[in-house]
Amino acid sequence: MRIDYKLGDKFDFPLFFTTLALVIIGLVAIYSSTISNPLGKGNFEKQLIALGASTIAFFVVYLFPTKFFRMMTVPSYAFSIFLLIIVLIIGKSAGGAKSWITFGGFSFQPSEYAKISSVMMIAYYLSKQSTNLENLKDIFIVLAIGLAPVGLIMLEPDLGSSFVFFGMILILLFWSGISLFGMFVVLSPALVSVASLFGIYYMLMSLVAVLALLFYFKKDLFLSGSILGFNIASGFFVDYVYDILSPHQQKRIQSFIDPMADPLGSGYNAIQAKVAIGSGGLWGKGFLSGNQTQLQFIPEQWTDFIYCVIGEEFGFV
């Protein structure tokens, strides 16, 4: 394979250094959250090793021509779907989710690979000249590409990884120039679904808002009725999804809606995290000087709750 461009050609320096800055911030936060907690021992070192390996992989992959990735997009996406099916059969359970495949002494999550392959697949489809985001058919195809792995991941069930896909899809659609109406079609079912978690009253209020926006866009009656019907179905479908979640995931949703309902149980982490962020204020308490974080009021703060470390020690600004 011949490489016919120099290292600096087409290199996105702003993106590279922005990503590097985020990685450094993450390393600092992980170091702070684990330095005084024996349970987190080794996490910082693992992150350093991962950073070194991923940096090497980045520059190796960068040398491949673009057409190579276009050629590998569909097979990569198909392989990720295959892995997501396999993990449901032979996967190893951890944290209430059957999401890990172990091969020898090596373990990995197919959902992580699926994130990359799904982004590539959506980008591949959006880059076609025939794709038009003014056409609802193309929007639904993009959603189908992104939501197919989500459905399989929900069966594990891994709620956290599933949510990441929604953000990825929205960002790709936004930067591809989706219209305001198209974004409404994509977002409204998700917002109605979230509203339904808070009760039927909130769901009805969200549906009223959807109806008002449909009048604003002035689309034909059949299309508007179909969108409204899909939103109603999405709201009620949440009950089914909620029932198939594991108990600990149901508690996480309950604690998100009302942490004070169980302040010493499922809501404890959320409450303490908010206290930590509030404690940091605008300017923070300084590196390694957070009361909530360094005194370990938040267990395993180097995981999903890492933001509270940044918030308390470095502040909102």
Protein backbone atom coordinates (compact mmCIF):
# COMPACT_ATOMS: atom_id res chain seq x y z
CA MET A 1 0.00 0.00 0.00
CA ARG A 2 1.53 3.28 -1.15
CA ILE A 3 1.26 6.34 1.08
CA ASP A 4 1.32 9.45 -1.08
CA TYR A 5 1.03 12.27 1.46
CA LYS A 6 3.12 13.72 4.24
CA LEU A 7 2.32 13.54 7.93
CA GLY A 8 1.19 17.17 8.07
CA ASP A 9 -1.19 16.89 5.12
CA LYS A 10 -4.87 17.08 6.10
CA PHE A 11 -3.94 16.83 9.77
CA ASP A 12 -6.52 18.49 12.02
CA PHE A 13 -4.24 20.14 14.58
CA PRO A 14 -7.02 21.93 16.53
CA LEU A 15 -8.92 18.66 16.94
CA PHE A 16 -5.76 16.78 17.92
CA PHE A 17 -4.70 19.26 20.60
CA THR A 18 -8.25 19.64 21.91
CA THR A 19 -8.45 15.87 22.31
CA LEU A 20 -5.02 15.81 23.94
CA ALA A 21 -6.11 18.51 26.41
CA LEU A 22 -9.20 16.49 27.35
CA VAL A 23 -7.06 13.38 27.85
CA ILE A 24 -4.67 15.29 30.14
CA ILE A 25 -7.60 16.68 32.15
CA GLY A 26 -8.92 13.14 32.48
CA LEU A 27 -5.54 11.83 33.66
CA VAL A 28 -5.27 14.59 36.27
CA ALA A 29 -8.79 13.81 37.52
CA ILE A 30 -8.12 10.07 37.71
CA TYR A 31 -4.87 10.66 39.59
CA SER A 32 -6.64 12.91 42.08
CA SER A 33 -9.53 10.49 42.59
CA THR A 34 -7.33 7.43 43.16
CA ILE A 35 -4.26 8.76 45.01
CA SER A 36 -5.88 8.43 48.44
CA ASN A 37 -8.22 5.53 47.69
CA PRO A 38 -6.80 1.99 47.75
CA LEU A 39 -9.78 0.70 45.76
CA GLY A 40 -8.68 2.79 42.80
CA LYS A 41 -5.06 1.69 42.91
CA GLY A 42 -3.63 0.98 39.46
CA ASN A 43 -6.24 2.91 37.48
CA PHE A 44 -3.95 5.86 36.79
CA GLU A 45 -1.15 3.58 35.59
CA LYS A 46 -3.58 1.70 33.33
CA GLN A 47 -4.69 4.98 31.81
CA LEU A 48 -1.07 5.95 31.08
CA ILE A 49 -0.47 2.62 29.35
CA ALA A 50 -3.69 3.00 27.37
CA LEU A 51 -2.69 6.54 26.38
CA GLY A 52 0.68 5.37 25.08
CA ALA A 53 -0.82 2.47 23.14
CA SER A 54 -3.64 4.56 21.68
CA THR A 55 -1.24 7.33 20.63
CA ILE A 56 0.87 4.84 18.69
CA ALA A 57 -2.27 3.32 17.18
CA PHE A 58 -3.50 6.79 16.22
CA PHE A 59 -0.42 7.65 14.17
CA VAL A 60 -0.32 4.19 12.57
CA VAL A 61 -3.97 4.42 11.53
CA TYR A 62 -3.46 7.99 10.32
CA LEU A 63 -1.03 6.71 7.68
CA PHE A 64 -3.73 4.63 6.02
CA PRO A 65 -5.44 6.27 3.02
CA THR A 66 -9.06 7.38 3.40
CA LYS A 67 -10.31 4.92 0.80
CA PHE A 68 -9.13 2.05 3.02
CA PHE A 69 -11.57 3.11 5.75
CA ARG A 70 -14.39 3.56 3.26
CA MET A 71 -13.75 0.04 2.04
CA MET A 72 -13.71 -1.38 5.58
CA THR A 73 -16.72 0.55 6.92
CA VAL A 74 -19.51 -1.89 6.04
CA PRO A 75 -17.57 -5.04 7.08
CA SER A 76 -16.54 -3.36 10.35
CA TYR A 77 -20.12 -2.39 11.14
CA ALA A 78 -21.40 -5.89 10.31
CA PHE A 79 -18.67 -7.42 12.48
CA SER A 80 -19.61 -5.18 15.42
CA ILE A 81 -23.25 -6.29 15.14
CA PHE A 82 -22.03 -9.90 15.10
CA LEU A 83 -19.99 -9.32 18.27
CA LEU A 84 -22.97 -7.70 20.01
CA ILE A 85 -25.00 -10.83 19.28
CA ILE A 86 -22.20 -13.16 20.39
CA VAL A 87 -21.74 -11.34 23.71
CA LEU A 88 -25.37 -12.09 24.58
CA ILE A 89 -24.57 -15.80 24.25
CA ILE A 90 -21.06 -16.23 25.65
CA GLY A 91 -20.47 -12.88 27.34
CA LYS A 92 -19.20 -12.42 30.87
CA SER A 93 -21.44 -10.55 33.33
CA ALA A 94 -20.09 -7.55 35.22
CA GLY A 95 -22.05 -4.89 37.07
CA GLY A 96 -25.35 -6.53 36.16
CA ALA A 97 -24.67 -6.46 32.40
CA LYS A 98 -23.52 -9.26 30.10
CA SER A 99 -21.23 -7.01 28.12
CA TRP A 100 -17.70 -8.49 28.14
CA ILE A 101 -16.08 -11.09 25.88
CA THR A 102 -13.05 -12.83 27.34
CA PHE A 103 -10.46 -14.39 25.05
CA GLY A 104 -7.54 -15.92 26.91
CA GLY A 105 -6.40 -13.28 29.36
CA PHE A 106 -7.84 -10.43 27.31
CA SER A 107 -11.32 -8.95 27.85
CA PHE A 108 -13.11 -6.31 25.82
CA GLN A 109 -16.57 -4.79 25.38
CA PRO A 110 -18.05 -5.15 21.87
CA SER A 111 -20.10 -2.01 22.57
CA GLU A 112 -16.88 0.06 22.54
CA TYR A 113 -15.95 -1.26 19.11
CA ALA A 114 -19.54 -0.71 17.96
CA LYS A 115 -19.28 3.00 18.82
CA ILE A 116 -16.43 3.43 16.34
CA SER A 117 -17.93 1.27 13.60
CA SER A 118 -21.35 2.96 13.94
CA VAL A 119 -19.83 6.44 13.59
CA MET A 120 -17.97 5.25 10.49
CA MET A 121 -21.11 3.67 9.04
CA ILE A 122 -23.28 6.75 9.62
CA ALA A 123 -20.57 9.02 8.20
CA TYR A 124 -20.24 6.70 5.19
CA TYR A 125 -23.97 6.90 4.50
CA LEU A 126 -24.14 10.66 5.03
CA SER A 127 -21.23 11.19 2.62
CA LYS A 128 -23.13 9.64 -0.29
CA GLN A 129 -24.27 12.14 -2.90
CA SER A 130 -27.73 10.58 -2.95
CA THR A 131 -28.26 11.18 0.79
CA ASN A 132 -30.52 14.13 1.52
CA LEU A 133 -31.36 14.99 5.12
CA GLU A 134 -34.41 16.92 3.90
CA ASN A 135 -35.80 13.48 3.14
CA LEU A 136 -37.21 11.68 6.19
CA LYS A 137 -36.30 8.33 4.66
CA ASP A 138 -32.60 9.16 4.87
CA ILE A 139 -33.00 10.41 8.45
CA PHE A 140 -34.67 7.15 9.45
CA ILE A 141 -31.92 5.11 7.76
CA VAL A 142 -29.30 7.00 9.78
CA LEU A 143 -31.33 6.36 12.94
CA ALA A 144 -31.63 2.66 12.06
CA ILE A 145 -27.86 2.37 11.61
CA GLY A 146 -27.25 3.99 14.99
CA LEU A 147 -30.08 2.32 16.91
CA ALA A 148 -29.47 -1.26 15.71
CA PRO A 149 -26.48 -1.66 18.07
CA VAL A 150 -28.39 0.23 20.77
CA GLY A 151 -31.12 -2.42 20.73
CA LEU A 152 -28.58 -5.21 21.19
CA ILE A 153 -26.72 -3.31 23.92
CA MET A 154 -30.01 -2.77 25.77
CA LEU A 155 -30.44 -6.56 25.85
CA GLU A 156 -27.19 -6.95 27.82
CA PRO A 157 -28.48 -4.62 29.44
CA ASP A 158 -25.97 -1.73 29.46
CA LEU A 159 -27.90 1.51 29.80
CA GLY A 160 -24.85 3.79 30.02
CA SER A 161 -23.31 2.64 26.74
CA SER A 162 -26.69 2.90 25.02
CA PHE A 163 -27.04 6.58 25.90
CA VAL A 164 -23.68 7.37 24.28
CA PHE A 165 -25.03 6.36 20.87
CA PHE A 166 -27.83 8.93 21.01
CA GLY A 167 -25.31 11.73 21.48
CA MET A 168 -23.17 10.42 18.62
CA ILE A 169 -26.12 10.28 16.23
CA LEU A 170 -27.26 13.81 17.08
CA ILE A 171 -23.79 15.29 16.59
CA LEU A 172 -23.33 13.58 13.22
CA LEU A 173 -26.74 14.74 12.01
CA PHE A 174 -26.16 18.29 13.24
CA TRP A 175 -22.80 18.66 11.50
CA SER A 176 -24.26 17.15 8.34
CA GLY A 177 -26.72 20.05 8.09
CA ILE A 178 -29.99 18.48 9.19
CA SER A 179 -32.92 20.90 9.07
CA LEU A 180 -34.71 22.20 12.16
CA PHE A 181 -37.71 20.01 11.34
CA GLY A 182 -35.48 16.98 10.88
CA MET A 183 -33.87 17.56 14.27
CA PHE A 184 -37.36 17.90 15.77
CA VAL A 185 -38.34 14.52 14.29
CA VAL A 186 -35.24 12.94 15.84
CA LEU A 187 -35.38 14.62 19.24
CA SER A 188 -39.08 14.71 20.06
CA PRO A 189 -39.56 10.94 20.70
CA ALA A 190 -36.54 10.94 23.01
CA LEU A 191 -37.80 13.95 24.96
CA VAL A 192 -41.30 12.47 25.28
CA SER A 193 -39.76 9.22 26.51
CA VAL A 194 -37.73 11.02 29.17
CA ALA A 195 -40.78 13.05 30.21
CA SER A 196 -42.79 9.85 30.65
CA LEU A 197 -40.30 8.67 33.28
CA PHE A 198 -41.47 11.54 35.48
CA GLY A 199 -45.14 10.53 35.16
CA ILE A 200 -48.14 10.69 32.84
CA TYR A 201 -48.67 14.43 33.48
CA TYR A 202 -45.20 15.31 32.16
CA MET A 203 -45.69 12.99 29.21
CA LEU A 204 -48.96 14.70 28.27
CA MET A 205 -47.34 18.13 28.57
CA SER A 206 -44.52 17.04 26.26
CA LEU A 207 -47.05 15.73 23.72
CA VAL A 208 -48.86 19.07 23.80
CA ALA A 209 -45.52 20.73 23.01
CA VAL A 210 -44.96 18.28 20.13
CA LEU A 211 -48.43 19.04 18.77
CA ALA A 212 -47.79 22.79 18.96
CA LEU A 213 -44.52 22.41 17.05
CA LEU A 214 -46.25 20.31 14.39
CA PHE A 215 -48.67 23.19 13.84
CA TYR A 216 -45.68 25.53 13.61
CA PHE A 217 -43.94 23.47 10.91
CA LYS A 218 -47.21 23.20 8.91
CA LYS A 219 -46.55 19.79 7.39
CA ASP A 220 -49.29 17.70 5.75
CA LEU A 221 -51.84 15.95 7.96
CA PHE A 222 -50.61 12.39 7.34
CA LEU A 223 -46.99 13.21 8.16
CA SER A 224 -47.91 15.23 11.25
CA GLY A 225 -50.24 12.48 12.48
CA SER A 226 -47.55 9.83 11.95
CA ILE A 227 -44.99 11.84 13.92
CA LEU A 228 -47.45 12.47 16.76
CA GLY A 229 -48.39 8.78 16.85
CA PHE A 230 -44.75 7.74 16.96
CA ASN A 231 -44.16 10.12 19.87
CA ILE A 232 -47.10 8.66 21.79
CA ALA A 233 -45.83 5.13 21.15
CA SER A 234 -42.33 6.15 22.31
CA GLY A 235 -43.70 7.45 25.59
CA PHE A 236 -45.56 4.24 26.40
CA PHE A 237 -42.69 2.06 25.15
CA VAL A 238 -40.54 3.39 27.98
CA ASP A 239 -42.55 1.30 30.45
CA TYR A 240 -41.56 -1.85 28.57
CA VAL A 241 -37.90 -0.85 28.40
CA TYR A 242 -37.92 0.02 32.10
CA ASP A 243 -39.30 -3.43 32.98
CA ILE A 244 -36.50 -5.29 31.17
CA LEU A 245 -33.77 -3.34 32.93
CA SER A 246 -31.95 -4.96 35.82
CA PRO A 247 -32.89 -3.78 39.35
CA HIS A 248 -29.69 -1.75 39.79
CA GLN A 249 -30.34 0.07 36.50
CA GLN A 250 -33.91 0.81 37.56
CA LYS A 251 -32.55 2.29 40.76
CA ARG A 252 -30.15 4.48 38.77
CA ILE A 253 -33.09 5.88 36.80
CA GLN A 254 -35.08 6.40 40.00
CA SER A 255 -32.15 8.18 41.61
CA PHE A 256 -31.81 10.39 38.53
CA ILE A 257 -35.47 11.41 38.78
CA ASP A 258 -35.49 11.87 42.56
CA PRO A 259 -32.19 11.23 44.41
CA MET A 260 -33.74 12.28 47.73
CA ALA A 261 -36.18 9.36 47.59
CA ASP A 262 -33.32 7.10 48.73
CA PRO A 263 -30.56 9.43 49.99
CA LEU A 264 -28.55 6.67 51.67
CA GLY A 265 -29.05 4.12 48.90
CA SER A 266 -29.44 4.56 45.15
CA GLY A 267 -29.48 8.35 45.40
CA TYR A 268 -26.38 8.64 47.60
CA ASN A 269 -23.81 9.03 44.82
CA ALA A 270 -25.83 11.64 42.93
CA ILE A 271 -26.40 13.71 46.07
CA GLN A 272 -22.76 13.60 47.14
CA ALA A 273 -21.61 14.42 43.60
CA LYS A 274 -23.80 17.54 43.56
CA VAL A 275 -22.44 18.52 46.97
CA ALA A 276 -18.89 18.13 45.62
CA ILE A 277 -19.59 20.27 42.54
CA GLY A 278 -21.29 22.90 44.69
CA SER A 279 -18.37 22.81 47.11
CA GLY A 280 -15.98 23.68 44.28
CA GLY A 281 -17.90 26.82 43.38
CA LEU A 282 -16.59 28.97 40.53
CA TRP A 283 -12.84 28.55 41.02
CA GLY A 284 -12.51 25.21 42.82
CA LYS A 285 -10.63 24.20 45.94
CA GLY A 286 -7.41 23.31 44.22
CA PHE A 287 -5.71 20.14 43.04
CA LEU A 288 -5.97 17.34 45.64
CA SER A 289 -7.86 19.70 47.98
CA GLY A 290 -11.47 18.60 47.56
CA ASN A 291 -13.22 17.64 50.78
CA GLN A 292 -15.88 15.40 49.24
CA THR A 293 -13.50 13.68 46.85
CA GLN A 294 -10.34 13.30 48.93
CA LEU A 295 -12.29 12.18 52.01
CA GLN A 296 -13.99 9.56 49.82
CA PHE A 297 -17.60 10.54 50.37
CA ILE A 298 -18.14 9.41 46.78
CA PRO A 299 -17.23 5.73 46.25
CA GLU A 300 -15.45 4.80 43.00
CA GLN A 301 -15.38 8.44 41.89
CA TRP A 302 -12.92 7.57 39.09
CA THR A 303 -15.79 5.97 37.13
CA ASP A 304 -18.94 7.74 35.89
CA PHE A 305 -18.67 10.29 38.69
CA ILE A 306 -15.25 11.62 37.66
CA TYR A 307 -16.78 15.00 36.80
CA CYS A 308 -17.40 15.71 40.49
CA VAL A 309 -13.61 15.57 41.03
CA ILE A 310 -13.05 18.16 38.31
CA GLY A 311 -15.92 20.29 39.59
CA GLU A 312 -14.77 20.36 43.22
CA GLU A 313 -11.05 20.83 42.63
CA PHE A 314 -11.08 23.14 39.59
CA GLY A 315 -14.50 24.79 39.81
CA PHE A 316 -17.13 25.76 37.28
CA VAL A 317 -14.90 28.22 35.43
